Amino acid sequence: PAGLVRRGGAGPVGTRLRFPQVSASLSTRYCSATAKIDVADMALRAQDRFLGNRTLFVTGERAEESPNRARYAVFGAHRTDTRDSRRRCRHVDHYRPVHAWREAQIWAILQRYGVIPALPYQLGFGRLSCALCVFMSVDQAATLRHIMPKRFDALAVLEQTFGCTMKRECGLHQFADRGRVYAATLARPDLVACALENQWHGPVVTSRWALPAGAFGESVGPG
């Protein structure tokens, strides 16, 4: 509420000159740690409004998504919890309400309340992470190259700069050449344009709900 919380920025800019690795380890798949997990942790730790209060942190990981996520606790103390501290007591619980749910249950509850599936699901993607995620499949790579060629080419250039490919076995363009663009993407250029916008300006619920093309498709993404 008081504005942005900033961390770092002092000293020279450094880089690993390597892409995040396709690994369950957050030390090598540093994108998840730095861009997602650490951001939430910093927001909780840096704001005194969470001190002396009870906070519930809710996330949507499911056991079905990977063996690593299957080991997550449904409920427990969050990483930022300091409820036993006498100096800075911060009570933060972490709750994963859909941890045991199957994918069919997710689509069923969205249908029940008429919640429109996110656009990438409608374009054929079976799981959402960052665009151009290091875990992308060959079909996802082909589709992403089709809808965002400039961003795809920029990563391919970085492969040359780093002297190290993202997928290791081959370069990104060669990887995409092995896949096929999702049929739903080819059929709906209007949805592609909307998906590439920074904001969604349409409705979030509908009375004409339909299962998206990506439902029960390839579930490629972080472990």
C-alpha atoms as a PDB file:
ATOM      1  CA  PRO A   1       0.000   0.000   0.000  1.00  0.00           C
ATOM      2  CA  ALA A   2       2.913   2.383   0.652  1.00  0.00           C
ATOM      3  CA  GLY A   3       4.484   1.804  -2.766  1.00  0.00           C
ATOM      4  CA  LEU A   4       7.105  -0.475  -4.239  1.00  0.00           C
ATOM      5  CA  VAL A   5       9.453  -2.555  -2.117  1.00  0.00           C
ATOM      6  CA  ARG A   6      12.889  -2.719  -3.716  1.00  0.00           C
ATOM      7  CA  ARG A   7      15.872  -4.945  -3.048  1.00  0.00           C
ATOM      8  CA  GLY A   8      19.302  -4.950  -4.648  1.00  0.00           C
ATOM      9  CA  GLY A   9      20.434  -2.610  -7.379  1.00  0.00           C
ATOM     10  CA  ALA A  10      23.688  -1.575  -5.714  1.00  0.00           C
ATOM     11  CA  GLY A  11      26.971  -2.315  -7.429  1.00  0.00           C
ATOM     12  CA  PRO A  12      27.689  -3.495 -10.974  1.00  0.00           C
ATOM     13  CA  VAL A  13      25.112  -5.469 -12.917  1.00  0.00           C
ATOM     14  CA  GLY A  14      26.042  -9.154 -13.017  1.00  0.00           C
ATOM     15  CA  THR A  15      24.733 -12.109 -14.992  1.00  0.00           C
ATOM     16  CA  ARG A  16      25.346 -15.837 -15.069  1.00  0.00           C
ATOM     17  CA  LEU A  17      25.342 -15.868 -18.870  1.00  0.00           C
ATOM     18  CA  ARG A  18      23.318 -19.065 -18.634  1.00  0.00           C
ATOM     19  CA  PHE A  19      19.628 -19.852 -18.943  1.00  0.00           C
ATOM     20  CA  PRO A  20      17.852 -21.327 -15.916  1.00  0.00           C
ATOM     21  CA  GLN A  21      18.344 -25.080 -15.978  1.00  0.00           C
ATOM     22  CA  VAL A  22      15.540 -27.593 -16.549  1.00  0.00           C
ATOM     23  CA  SER A  23      15.729 -28.932 -13.019  1.00  0.00           C
ATOM     24  CA  ALA A  24      13.684 -29.271  -9.847  1.00  0.00           C
ATOM     25  CA  SER A  25      16.506 -27.534  -7.960  1.00  0.00           C
ATOM     26  CA  LEU A  26      15.768 -23.847  -7.398  1.00  0.00           C
ATOM     27  CA  SER A  27      19.496 -23.105  -7.222  1.00  0.00           C
ATOM     28  CA  THR A  28      19.872 -23.941 -10.917  1.00  0.00           C
ATOM     29  CA  ARG A  29      16.295 -23.188 -12.005  1.00  0.00           C
ATOM     30  CA  TYR A  30      16.813 -19.777 -10.480  1.00  0.00           C
ATOM     31  CA  CYS A  31      13.981 -18.136 -12.440  1.00  0.00           C
ATOM     32  CA  SER A  32      11.296 -19.623 -10.199  1.00  0.00           C
ATOM     33  CA  ALA A  33      13.144 -18.663  -7.040  1.00  0.00           C
ATOM     34  CA  THR A  34      14.116 -15.122  -8.056  1.00  0.00           C
ATOM     35  CA  ALA A  35      11.097 -14.044 -10.087  1.00  0.00           C
ATOM     36  CA  LYS A  36       8.294 -15.701  -8.122  1.00  0.00           C
ATOM     37  CA  ILE A  37       9.041 -17.260  -4.725  1.00  0.00           C
ATOM     38  CA  ASP A  38      11.512 -14.644  -3.490  1.00  0.00           C
ATOM     39  CA  VAL A  39       9.230 -11.800  -4.601  1.00  0.00           C
ATOM     40  CA  ALA A  40       6.398 -13.035  -2.390  1.00  0.00           C
ATOM     41  CA  ASP A  41       8.778 -13.700   0.495  1.00  0.00           C
ATOM     42  CA  MET A  42      10.200 -10.182   0.265  1.00  0.00           C
ATOM     43  CA  ALA A  43       6.724  -8.640   0.202  1.00  0.00           C
ATOM     44  CA  LEU A  44       5.801 -10.452   3.419  1.00  0.00           C
ATOM     45  CA  ARG A  45       9.079  -9.802   5.219  1.00  0.00           C
ATOM     46  CA  ALA A  46       9.459  -6.143   4.256  1.00  0.00           C
ATOM     47  CA  GLN A  47       6.050  -4.889   5.401  1.00  0.00           C
ATOM     48  CA  ASP A  48       5.479  -4.304   9.079  1.00  0.00           C
ATOM     49  CA  ARG A  49       1.722  -4.588   8.576  1.00  0.00           C
ATOM     50  CA  PHE A  50       2.170  -8.370   8.699  1.00  0.00           C
ATOM     51  CA  LEU A  51       3.829  -8.241  12.115  1.00  0.00           C
ATOM     52  CA  GLY A  52       1.591  -9.200  15.010  1.00  0.00           C
ATOM     53  CA  ASN A  53      -1.058 -10.523  12.630  1.00  0.00           C
ATOM     54  CA  ARG A  54      -2.128 -13.842  11.190  1.00  0.00           C
ATOM     55  CA  THR A  55      -1.768 -14.101   7.398  1.00  0.00           C
ATOM     56  CA  LEU A  56      -2.932 -16.905   5.124  1.00  0.00           C
ATOM     57  CA  PHE A  57      -0.823 -17.379   1.970  1.00  0.00           C
ATOM     58  CA  VAL A  58      -2.765 -19.393  -0.642  1.00  0.00           C
ATOM     59  CA  THR A  59      -1.256 -21.041  -3.736  1.00  0.00           C
ATOM     60  CA  GLY A  60      -2.549 -23.490  -6.338  1.00  0.00           C
ATOM     61  CA  GLU A  61       0.037 -26.253  -6.687  1.00  0.00           C
ATOM     62  CA  ARG A  62      -1.394 -29.714  -7.295  1.00  0.00           C
ATOM     63  CA  ALA A  63       0.156 -33.094  -6.487  1.00  0.00           C
ATOM     64  CA  GLU A  64      -0.782 -34.369  -9.945  1.00  0.00           C
ATOM     65  CA  GLU A  65       1.533 -31.843 -11.601  1.00  0.00           C
ATOM     66  CA  SER A  66       4.847 -33.444 -10.597  1.00  0.00           C
ATOM     67  CA  PRO A  67       6.461 -35.803  -8.070  1.00  0.00           C
ATOM     68  CA  ASN A  68       8.111 -32.789  -6.453  1.00  0.00           C
ATOM     69  CA  ARG A  69       4.800 -30.974  -5.951  1.00  0.00           C
ATOM     70  CA  ALA A  70       3.206 -34.171  -4.660  1.00  0.00           C
ATOM     71  CA  ARG A  71       5.480 -33.863  -1.620  1.00  0.00           C
ATOM     72  CA  TYR A  72       4.260 -30.376  -0.739  1.00  0.00           C
ATOM     73  CA  ALA A  73       2.277 -30.001   2.473  1.00  0.00           C
ATOM     74  CA  VAL A  74      -1.363 -28.984   2.129  1.00  0.00           C
ATOM     75  CA  PHE A  75      -1.093 -26.727   5.166  1.00  0.00           C
ATOM     76  CA  GLY A  76       1.788 -25.499   7.275  1.00  0.00           C
ATOM     77  CA  ALA A  77       3.946 -22.588   8.298  1.00  0.00           C
ATOM     78  CA  HIS A  78       5.080 -20.397   5.396  1.00  0.00           C
ATOM     79  CA  ARG A  79       8.761 -19.762   4.676  1.00  0.00           C
ATOM     80  CA  THR A  80       8.442 -16.269   6.153  1.00  0.00           C
ATOM     81  CA  ASP A  81       6.718 -17.368   9.354  1.00  0.00           C
ATOM     82  CA  THR A  82       8.293 -16.140  12.598  1.00  0.00           C
ATOM     83  CA  ARG A  83       5.447 -16.847  15.006  1.00  0.00           C
ATOM     84  CA  ASP A  84       7.868 -17.900  17.759  1.00  0.00           C
ATOM     85  CA  SER A  85       9.952 -14.741  17.541  1.00  0.00           C
ATOM     86  CA  ARG A  86       9.701 -12.290  20.426  1.00  0.00           C
ATOM     87  CA  ARG A  87      11.187  -9.414  18.408  1.00  0.00           C
ATOM     88  CA  ARG A  88       9.375  -9.625  15.042  1.00  0.00           C
ATOM     89  CA  CYS A  89       6.447 -12.021  15.335  1.00  0.00           C
ATOM     90  CA  ARG A  90       4.892 -12.756  11.951  1.00  0.00           C
ATOM     91  CA  HIS A  91       2.328 -15.587  11.828  1.00  0.00           C
ATOM     92  CA  VAL A  92       2.038 -16.770   8.203  1.00  0.00           C
ATOM     93  CA  ASP A  93       0.348 -20.027   7.202  1.00  0.00           C
ATOM     94  CA  HIS A  94       0.661 -21.536   3.713  1.00  0.00           C
ATOM     95  CA  TYR A  95      -2.430 -23.289   2.329  1.00  0.00           C
ATOM     96  CA  ARG A  96      -2.723 -25.277  -0.908  1.00  0.00           C
ATOM     97  CA  PRO A  97      -6.485 -25.909  -1.172  1.00  0.00           C
ATOM     98  CA  VAL A  98      -6.447 -27.795  -4.498  1.00  0.00           C
ATOM     99  CA  HIS A  99      -3.352 -29.896  -3.834  1.00  0.00           C
ATOM    100  CA  ALA A 100      -5.249 -33.202  -4.068  1.00  0.00           C
ATOM    101  CA  TRP A 101      -7.479 -32.180  -6.977  1.00  0.00           C
ATOM    102  CA  ARG A 102      -7.295 -33.839 -10.368  1.00  0.00           C
ATOM    103  CA  GLU A 103      -7.321 -31.715 -13.515  1.00  0.00           C
ATOM    104  CA  ALA A 104     -10.926 -32.702 -14.235  1.00  0.00           C
ATOM    105  CA  GLN A 105     -11.973 -31.142 -10.928  1.00  0.00           C
ATOM    106  CA  ILE A 106     -10.304 -27.866 -11.851  1.00  0.00           C
ATOM    107  CA  TRP A 107     -12.195 -27.592 -15.129  1.00  0.00           C
ATOM    108  CA  ALA A 108     -15.425 -28.677 -13.439  1.00  0.00           C
ATOM    109  CA  ILE A 109     -15.366 -25.887 -10.871  1.00  0.00           C
ATOM    110  CA  LEU A 110     -14.482 -23.300 -13.529  1.00  0.00           C
ATOM    111  CA  GLN A 111     -17.456 -24.517 -15.542  1.00  0.00           C
ATOM    112  CA  ARG A 112     -19.699 -24.458 -12.477  1.00  0.00           C
ATOM    113  CA  TYR A 113     -19.049 -20.763 -11.908  1.00  0.00           C
ATOM    114  CA  GLY A 114     -18.666 -19.869 -15.591  1.00  0.00           C
ATOM    115  CA  VAL A 115     -15.063 -18.655 -15.206  1.00  0.00           C
ATOM    116  CA  ILE A 116     -13.489 -18.162 -18.629  1.00  0.00           C
ATOM    117  CA  PRO A 117     -10.300 -20.275 -18.998  1.00  0.00           C
ATOM    118  CA  ALA A 118      -7.124 -18.237 -19.439  1.00  0.00           C
ATOM    119  CA  LEU A 119      -6.400 -17.493 -23.090  1.00  0.00           C
ATOM    120  CA  PRO A 120      -3.290 -19.705 -23.442  1.00  0.00           C
ATOM    121  CA  TYR A 121      -5.417 -22.726 -22.482  1.00  0.00           C
ATOM    122  CA  GLN A 122      -7.827 -21.749 -25.231  1.00  0.00           C
ATOM    123  CA  LEU A 123      -4.887 -21.577 -27.652  1.00  0.00           C
ATOM    124  CA  GLY A 124      -3.879 -25.172 -26.889  1.00  0.00           C
ATOM    125  CA  PHE A 125      -1.457 -24.919 -23.985  1.00  0.00           C
ATOM    126  CA  GLY A 126      -2.018 -27.562 -21.307  1.00  0.00           C
ATOM    127  CA  ARG A 127      -0.112 -25.773 -18.572  1.00  0.00           C
ATOM    128  CA  LEU A 128       0.822 -22.151 -17.988  1.00  0.00           C
ATOM    129  CA  SER A 129       4.094 -20.770 -16.768  1.00  0.00           C
ATOM    130  CA  CYS A 130       6.206 -17.938 -18.127  1.00  0.00           C
ATOM    131  CA  ALA A 131       6.088 -17.368 -21.865  1.00  0.00           C
ATOM    132  CA  LEU A 132       9.072 -19.139 -23.441  1.00  0.00           C
ATOM    133  CA  CYS A 133       9.597 -21.210 -20.279  1.00  0.00           C
ATOM    134  CA  VAL A 134      12.748 -23.344 -20.237  1.00  0.00           C
ATOM    135  CA  PHE A 135      10.470 -26.378 -19.805  1.00  0.00           C
ATOM    136  CA  MET A 136       8.626 -25.785 -23.102  1.00  0.00           C
ATOM    137  CA  SER A 137       7.887 -28.789 -25.312  1.00  0.00           C
ATOM    138  CA  VAL A 138       8.638 -28.902 -29.033  1.00  0.00           C
ATOM    139  CA  ASP A 139       5.007 -28.086 -29.888  1.00  0.00           C
ATOM    140  CA  GLN A 140       4.988 -25.212 -27.429  1.00  0.00           C
ATOM    141  CA  ALA A 141       8.257 -23.935 -28.893  1.00  0.00           C
ATOM    142  CA  ALA A 142       6.814 -24.068 -32.407  1.00  0.00           C
ATOM    143  CA  THR A 143       3.667 -22.274 -31.232  1.00  0.00           C
ATOM    144  CA  LEU A 144       5.564 -19.591 -29.317  1.00  0.00           C
ATOM    145  CA  ARG A 145       7.864 -18.955 -32.256  1.00  0.00           C
ATOM    146  CA  HIS A 146       4.745 -18.516 -34.381  1.00  0.00           C
ATOM    147  CA  ILE A 147       3.010 -16.027 -32.079  1.00  0.00           C
ATOM    148  CA  MET A 148       6.012 -14.102 -30.704  1.00  0.00           C
ATOM    149  CA  PRO A 149       8.807 -14.430 -33.272  1.00  0.00           C
ATOM    150  CA  LYS A 150      10.817 -11.409 -32.082  1.00  0.00           C
ATOM    151  CA  ARG A 151      10.998 -12.621 -28.495  1.00  0.00           C
ATOM    152  CA  PHE A 152      11.839 -16.126 -29.691  1.00  0.00           C
ATOM    153  CA  ASP A 153      14.629 -14.809 -31.918  1.00  0.00           C
ATOM    154  CA  ALA A 154      15.998 -12.737 -29.031  1.00  0.00           C
ATOM    155  CA  LEU A 155      16.478 -15.880 -26.950  1.00  0.00           C
ATOM    156  CA  ALA A 156      18.101 -17.649 -29.882  1.00  0.00           C
ATOM    157  CA  VAL A 157      20.566 -14.742 -30.130  1.00  0.00           C
ATOM    158  CA  LEU A 158      21.321 -15.092 -26.418  1.00  0.00           C
ATOM    159  CA  GLU A 159      22.158 -18.741 -27.017  1.00  0.00           C
ATOM    160  CA  GLN A 160      24.898 -17.573 -29.378  1.00  0.00           C
ATOM    161  CA  THR A 161      26.062 -14.928 -26.902  1.00  0.00           C
ATOM    162  CA  PHE A 162      26.180 -17.373 -24.001  1.00  0.00           C
ATOM    163  CA  GLY A 163      27.720 -20.194 -26.014  1.00  0.00           C
ATOM    164  CA  CYS A 164      25.137 -22.411 -24.339  1.00  0.00           C
ATOM    165  CA  THR A 165      21.728 -23.451 -25.637  1.00  0.00           C
ATOM    166  CA  MET A 166      18.627 -23.399 -23.462  1.00  0.00           C
ATOM    167  CA  LYS A 167      17.710 -26.994 -24.173  1.00  0.00           C
ATOM    168  CA  ARG A 168      21.309 -28.209 -24.380  1.00  0.00           C
ATOM    169  CA  GLU A 169      20.602 -30.908 -26.983  1.00  0.00           C
ATOM    170  CA  CYS A 170      20.040 -28.296 -29.710  1.00  0.00           C
ATOM    171  CA  GLY A 171      19.308 -24.638 -30.344  1.00  0.00           C
ATOM    172  CA  LEU A 172      15.856 -23.152 -29.896  1.00  0.00           C
ATOM    173  CA  HIS A 173      15.088 -22.917 -33.595  1.00  0.00           C
ATOM    174  CA  GLN A 174      16.088 -26.535 -34.141  1.00  0.00           C
ATOM    175  CA  PHE A 175      13.976 -27.490 -31.129  1.00  0.00           C
ATOM    176  CA  ALA A 176      10.941 -25.638 -32.514  1.00  0.00           C
ATOM    177  CA  ASP A 177      11.442 -27.236 -35.920  1.00  0.00           C
ATOM    178  CA  ARG A 178      10.636 -30.589 -34.305  1.00  0.00           C
ATOM    179  CA  GLY A 179       7.197 -29.413 -33.158  1.00  0.00           C
ATOM    180  CA  ARG A 180       3.908 -28.305 -34.662  1.00  0.00           C
ATOM    181  CA  VAL A 181       1.950 -25.128 -33.969  1.00  0.00           C
ATOM    182  CA  TYR A 182      -1.194 -25.842 -31.976  1.00  0.00           C
ATOM    183  CA  ALA A 183      -4.241 -26.054 -34.242  1.00  0.00           C
ATOM    184  CA  ALA A 184      -6.240 -23.869 -31.861  1.00  0.00           C
ATOM    185  CA  THR A 185      -3.596 -21.150 -32.170  1.00  0.00           C
ATOM    186  CA  LEU A 186      -3.732 -21.215 -35.955  1.00  0.00           C
ATOM    187  CA  ALA A 187      -7.527 -21.098 -35.883  1.00  0.00           C
ATOM    188  CA  ARG A 188      -7.844 -18.102 -33.518  1.00  0.00           C
ATOM    189  CA  PRO A 189      -5.505 -15.217 -34.421  1.00  0.00           C
ATOM    190  CA  ASP A 190      -7.929 -12.942 -32.552  1.00  0.00           C
ATOM    191  CA  LEU A 191      -7.264 -14.802 -29.310  1.00  0.00           C
ATOM    192  CA  VAL A 192      -3.532 -14.734 -29.991  1.00  0.00           C
ATOM    193  CA  ALA A 193      -3.669 -10.937 -30.236  1.00  0.00           C
ATOM    194  CA  CYS A 194      -5.595 -10.722 -26.953  1.00  0.00           C
ATOM    195  CA  ALA A 195      -3.210 -13.137 -25.232  1.00  0.00           C
ATOM    196  CA  LEU A 196      -0.238 -10.964 -26.147  1.00  0.00           C
ATOM    197  CA  GLU A 197      -1.782  -7.831 -24.626  1.00  0.00           C
ATOM    198  CA  ASN A 198      -0.532  -6.670 -21.233  1.00  0.00           C
ATOM    199  CA  GLN A 199      -4.083  -6.493 -19.854  1.00  0.00           C
ATOM    200  CA  TRP A 200      -7.313  -8.401 -20.327  1.00  0.00           C
ATOM    201  CA  HIS A 201     -10.227  -6.092 -21.108  1.00  0.00           C
ATOM    202  CA  GLY A 202     -12.940  -8.693 -21.634  1.00  0.00           C
ATOM    203  CA  PRO A 203     -15.296 -10.467 -19.222  1.00  0.00           C
ATOM    204  CA  VAL A 204     -14.074 -13.081 -16.744  1.00  0.00           C
ATOM    205  CA  VAL A 205     -17.304 -15.093 -16.584  1.00  0.00           C
ATOM    206  CA  THR A 206     -19.587 -16.454 -19.271  1.00  0.00           C
ATOM    207  CA  SER A 207     -22.871 -18.331 -19.599  1.00  0.00           C
ATOM    208  CA  ARG A 208     -21.515 -20.208 -22.635  1.00  0.00           C
ATOM    209  CA  TRP A 209     -18.607 -22.035 -21.031  1.00  0.00           C
ATOM    210  CA  ALA A 210     -16.550 -24.438 -23.158  1.00  0.00           C
ATOM    211  CA  LEU A 211     -13.646 -26.730 -22.329  1.00  0.00           C
ATOM    212  CA  PRO A 212     -10.485 -25.104 -23.766  1.00  0.00           C
ATOM    213  CA  ALA A 213      -8.358 -26.791 -26.423  1.00  0.00           C
ATOM    214  CA  GLY A 214      -5.463 -27.214 -24.003  1.00  0.00           C
ATOM    215  CA  ALA A 215      -7.444 -29.156 -21.392  1.00  0.00           C
ATOM    216  CA  PHE A 216      -5.905 -32.546 -20.612  1.00  0.00           C
ATOM    217  CA  GLY A 217      -3.079 -31.765 -23.017  1.00  0.00           C
ATOM    218  CA  GLU A 218       0.663 -31.929 -22.495  1.00  0.00           C
ATOM    219  CA  SER A 219       1.486 -30.821 -18.970  1.00  0.00           C
ATOM    220  CA  VAL A 220       4.940 -29.349 -19.438  1.00  0.00           C
ATOM    221  CA  GLY A 221       6.235 -26.913 -16.858  1.00  0.00           C
ATOM    222  CA  PRO A 222       8.321 -26.451 -13.711  1.00  0.00           C
ATOM    223  CA  GLY A 223       8.574 -29.379 -11.332  1.00  0.00           C
END
